[in-house]
């Protein structure tokens, strides 16, 4: 198994933010270090998902431009309503 290399990274924050961090860490029974690391991980997870969503959207748009295949708003809305009502069904076939 490969050894995990951990390197320190400095973060400069103002006094007010630092005090807020300390107070919250204390109330959660965590260290400020843990709070910062958790915040960075959550931020990265969220932003990576946002980036993937953006890439998928661009890919879908390019595919539509090439093929012209689509669903109308009404078709998609009716399908989503059926899903919301608990009906388990596949997405309707796209058409041009």
C-alpha atoms as a PDB file:
ATOM      1  CA  UNK A   1       0.000   0.000   0.000  1.00  0.00           C
ATOM      2  CA  UNK A   2       1.356   3.441  -0.903  1.00  0.00           C
ATOM      3  CA  UNK A   3       2.174   5.766   1.954  1.00  0.00           C
ATOM      4  CA  UNK A   4      -0.002   8.862   2.154  1.00  0.00           C
ATOM      5  CA  UNK A   5       2.133  12.004   2.073  1.00  0.00           C
ATOM      6  CA  UNK A   6       0.687  14.915   4.017  1.00  0.00           C
ATOM      7  CA  UNK A   7       2.106  18.385   3.528  1.00  0.00           C
ATOM      8  CA  UNK A   8       1.202  21.457   5.559  1.00  0.00           C
ATOM      9  CA  UNK A   9      -0.444  24.406   3.842  1.00  0.00           C
ATOM     10  CA  UNK A  10      -0.626  27.839   5.414  1.00  0.00           C
ATOM     11  CA  UNK A  11      -3.896  29.755   5.367  1.00  0.00           C
ATOM     12  CA  UNK A  12      -3.941  33.398   6.377  1.00  0.00           C
ATOM     13  CA  UNK A  13      -7.220  34.512   7.925  1.00  0.00           C
ATOM     14  CA  UNK A  14      -8.187  37.690   9.691  1.00  0.00           C
ATOM     15  CA  UNK A  15      -8.580  37.884  13.452  1.00  0.00           C
ATOM     16  CA  UNK A  16     -12.398  37.925  13.441  1.00  0.00           C
ATOM     17  CA  UNK A  17     -12.606  34.840  11.227  1.00  0.00           C
ATOM     18  CA  UNK A  18     -10.014  33.079  13.351  1.00  0.00           C
ATOM     19  CA  UNK A  19     -11.991  33.785  16.524  1.00  0.00           C
ATOM     20  CA  UNK A  20     -15.202  32.533  14.899  1.00  0.00           C
ATOM     21  CA  UNK A  21     -13.363  29.379  13.844  1.00  0.00           C
ATOM     22  CA  UNK A  22     -12.027  28.773  17.340  1.00  0.00           C
ATOM     23  CA  UNK A  23     -15.450  29.330  18.905  1.00  0.00           C
ATOM     24  CA  UNK A  24     -17.219  26.980  16.524  1.00  0.00           C
ATOM     25  CA  UNK A  25     -14.501  24.327  16.814  1.00  0.00           C
ATOM     26  CA  UNK A  26     -14.770  24.461  20.592  1.00  0.00           C
ATOM     27  CA  UNK A  27     -18.561  24.119  20.508  1.00  0.00           C
ATOM     28  CA  UNK A  28     -18.252  21.118  18.188  1.00  0.00           C
ATOM     29  CA  UNK A  29     -15.447  19.614  20.259  1.00  0.00           C
ATOM     30  CA  UNK A  30     -13.135  19.711  17.263  1.00  0.00           C
ATOM     31  CA  UNK A  31      -9.855  21.443  16.563  1.00  0.00           C
ATOM     32  CA  UNK A  32      -9.660  24.468  14.270  1.00  0.00           C
ATOM     33  CA  UNK A  33      -7.405  22.324  12.066  1.00  0.00           C
ATOM     34  CA  UNK A  34     -10.139  19.701  11.723  1.00  0.00           C
ATOM     35  CA  UNK A  35     -12.733  22.387  10.923  1.00  0.00           C
ATOM     36  CA  UNK A  36     -10.570  23.916   8.183  1.00  0.00           C
ATOM     37  CA  UNK A  37      -9.784  20.525   6.665  1.00  0.00           C
ATOM     38  CA  UNK A  38     -13.475  19.556   6.699  1.00  0.00           C
ATOM     39  CA  UNK A  39     -14.455  22.877   5.103  1.00  0.00           C
ATOM     40  CA  UNK A  40     -11.898  22.421   2.326  1.00  0.00           C
ATOM     41  CA  UNK A  41     -13.041  18.848   1.658  1.00  0.00           C
ATOM     42  CA  UNK A  42     -16.692  19.870   1.504  1.00  0.00           C
ATOM     43  CA  UNK A  43     -15.859  22.785  -0.785  1.00  0.00           C
ATOM     44  CA  UNK A  44     -13.863  20.547  -3.134  1.00  0.00           C
ATOM     45  CA  UNK A  45     -16.614  17.904  -3.213  1.00  0.00           C
ATOM     46  CA  UNK A  46     -19.253  20.531  -4.013  1.00  0.00           C
ATOM     47  CA  UNK A  47     -17.183  22.300  -6.668  1.00  0.00           C
ATOM     48  CA  UNK A  48     -16.107  19.044  -8.341  1.00  0.00           C
ATOM     49  CA  UNK A  49     -19.770  18.018  -8.588  1.00  0.00           C
ATOM     50  CA  UNK A  50     -20.639  21.445  -9.998  1.00  0.00           C
ATOM     51  CA  UNK A  51     -17.847  21.131 -12.562  1.00  0.00           C
ATOM     52  CA  UNK A  52     -19.009  17.635 -13.578  1.00  0.00           C
ATOM     53  CA  UNK A  53     -22.594  18.901 -13.919  1.00  0.00           C
ATOM     54  CA  UNK A  54     -21.356  21.736 -16.126  1.00  0.00           C
ATOM     55  CA  UNK A  55     -19.337  19.345 -18.321  1.00  0.00           C
ATOM     56  CA  UNK A  56     -22.330  17.016 -18.672  1.00  0.00           C
ATOM     57  CA  UNK A  57     -24.514  19.953 -19.691  1.00  0.00           C
ATOM     58  CA  UNK A  58     -22.023  21.092 -22.316  1.00  0.00           C
ATOM     59  CA  UNK A  59     -21.778  17.511 -23.591  1.00  0.00           C
ATOM     60  CA  UNK A  60     -25.567  17.202 -23.814  1.00  0.00           C
ATOM     61  CA  UNK A  61     -25.790  20.522 -25.668  1.00  0.00           C
ATOM     62  CA  UNK A  62     -23.124  19.414 -28.172  1.00  0.00           C
ATOM     63  CA  UNK A  63     -24.885  16.085 -28.669  1.00  0.00           C
ATOM     64  CA  UNK A  64     -28.182  17.890 -29.281  1.00  0.00           C
ATOM     65  CA  UNK A  65     -26.520  20.214 -31.804  1.00  0.00           C
ATOM     66  CA  UNK A  66     -25.200  17.193 -33.704  1.00  0.00           C
ATOM     67  CA  UNK A  67     -28.255  14.929 -33.542  1.00  0.00           C
ATOM     68  CA  UNK A  68     -31.222  17.220 -32.938  1.00  0.00           C
ATOM     69  CA  UNK A  69     -32.694  14.540 -30.655  1.00  0.00           C
ATOM     70  CA  UNK A  70     -34.678  15.977 -27.761  1.00  0.00           C
ATOM     71  CA  UNK A  71     -37.782  15.849 -25.571  1.00  0.00           C
ATOM     72  CA  UNK A  72     -40.239  18.711 -25.459  1.00  0.00           C
ATOM     73  CA  UNK A  73     -40.859  20.481 -22.181  1.00  0.00           C
ATOM     74  CA  UNK A  74     -44.303  18.880 -22.004  1.00  0.00           C
ATOM     75  CA  UNK A  75     -42.877  15.364 -22.513  1.00  0.00           C
ATOM     76  CA  UNK A  76     -40.186  15.850 -19.884  1.00  0.00           C
ATOM     77  CA  UNK A  77     -42.628  17.480 -17.445  1.00  0.00           C
ATOM     78  CA  UNK A  78     -45.146  14.628 -17.812  1.00  0.00           C
ATOM     79  CA  UNK A  79     -42.392  12.040 -17.278  1.00  0.00           C
ATOM     80  CA  UNK A  80     -41.114  13.843 -14.176  1.00  0.00           C
ATOM     81  CA  UNK A  81     -44.671  14.071 -12.814  1.00  0.00           C
ATOM     82  CA  UNK A  82     -45.067  10.302 -13.203  1.00  0.00           C
ATOM     83  CA  UNK A  83     -41.766   9.740 -11.376  1.00  0.00           C
ATOM     84  CA  UNK A  84     -42.873  12.093  -8.615  1.00  0.00           C
ATOM     85  CA  UNK A  85     -46.112  10.098  -8.317  1.00  0.00           C
ATOM     86  CA  UNK A  86     -44.054   6.971  -7.652  1.00  0.00           C
ATOM     87  CA  UNK A  87     -44.247   5.389 -11.086  1.00  0.00           C
ATOM     88  CA  UNK A  88     -40.897   3.839 -11.947  1.00  0.00           C
ATOM     89  CA  UNK A  89     -40.407   4.287 -15.667  1.00  0.00           C
ATOM     90  CA  UNK A  90     -37.594   4.959 -18.071  1.00  0.00           C
ATOM     91  CA  UNK A  91     -37.084   8.292 -19.734  1.00  0.00           C
ATOM     92  CA  UNK A  92     -39.162   8.599 -22.926  1.00  0.00           C
ATOM     93  CA  UNK A  93     -37.261   8.139 -26.194  1.00  0.00           C
ATOM     94  CA  UNK A  94     -35.846  11.285 -27.719  1.00  0.00           C
ATOM     95  CA  UNK A  95     -36.947  12.400 -31.184  1.00  0.00           C
ATOM     96  CA  UNK A  96     -36.027  15.067 -33.687  1.00  0.00           C
END
